[in-house]
């Protein structure tokens, strides 16, 4: 699923499931916020966290 189709026509916050790959993980992951400006309609203002907090902390712990 590409980013554009995920947020197309949507303004605000979109939650998707965590992309850690673990089937047992049902947490929300990505939060996309679409910019409301008129110069570039629909572009992404910011995209935060493709994995949920739990998996991210676990991953950071494994890297150390």
Protein backbone atom coordinates (compact mmCIF):
# COMPACT_ATOMS: atom_id res chain seq x y z
CA UNK A 1 0.00 0.00 0.00
CA UNK A 2 1.58 3.29 -1.03
CA UNK A 3 1.49 6.40 1.08
CA UNK A 4 -0.58 8.45 -1.37
CA UNK A 5 -3.48 5.99 -1.52
CA UNK A 6 -3.41 5.63 2.26
CA UNK A 7 -4.01 9.31 2.94
CA UNK A 8 -5.65 10.38 -0.33
CA UNK A 9 -8.65 12.58 0.37
CA UNK A 10 -8.04 12.52 4.10
CA UNK A 11 -7.05 15.46 6.23
CA UNK A 12 -5.82 14.89 9.73
CA UNK A 13 -4.52 11.79 11.44
CA UNK A 14 -4.49 8.28 10.04
CA UNK A 15 -3.65 5.23 12.13
CA UNK A 16 -2.33 2.06 10.57
CA UNK A 17 -1.21 -1.14 12.18
CA UNK A 18 2.38 -1.52 13.32
CA UNK A 19 4.73 -2.68 10.54
CA UNK A 20 7.02 -4.75 12.77
CA UNK A 21 5.93 -7.92 10.97
CA UNK A 22 4.89 -9.71 14.17
CA UNK A 23 1.38 -11.13 13.63
CA UNK A 24 0.62 -10.98 17.36
CA UNK A 25 1.23 -7.21 17.44
CA UNK A 26 -2.04 -5.32 16.94
CA UNK A 27 -0.80 -1.87 17.93
CA UNK A 28 -1.31 1.29 15.91
CA UNK A 29 1.78 2.36 14.06
CA UNK A 30 2.03 5.13 11.50
CA UNK A 31 0.44 8.51 12.07
CA UNK A 32 0.30 10.60 8.89
CA UNK A 33 -0.73 14.21 9.04
CA UNK A 34 -1.76 15.83 5.79
CA UNK A 35 -0.93 19.47 5.31
CA UNK A 36 -3.88 21.76 4.67
CA UNK A 37 -2.02 24.32 2.54
CA UNK A 38 -3.30 25.24 -0.91
CA UNK A 39 0.04 25.30 -2.75
CA UNK A 40 0.55 21.54 -2.64
CA UNK A 41 -2.81 19.96 -1.72
CA UNK A 42 -2.57 16.66 0.08
CA UNK A 43 1.15 16.52 0.67
CA UNK A 44 2.32 14.96 3.90
CA UNK A 45 3.29 17.46 6.57
CA UNK A 46 4.85 14.77 8.72
CA UNK A 47 4.86 11.03 9.06
CA UNK A 48 5.61 9.59 12.47
CA UNK A 49 6.47 6.06 13.55
CA UNK A 50 5.99 3.14 11.19
CA UNK A 51 6.10 0.90 14.25
CA UNK A 52 4.20 1.15 17.51
CA UNK A 53 5.77 2.39 20.75
CA UNK A 54 6.27 -1.11 22.16
CA UNK A 55 8.10 -2.48 19.11
CA UNK A 56 10.15 0.69 18.72
CA UNK A 57 11.36 0.52 22.32
CA UNK A 58 12.10 -3.18 21.87
CA UNK A 59 14.06 -2.43 18.68
CA UNK A 60 16.03 0.37 20.36
CA UNK A 61 16.81 -2.01 23.21
CA UNK A 62 18.12 -4.63 20.76
CA UNK A 63 20.37 -2.10 19.01
CA UNK A 64 22.23 -1.16 22.20
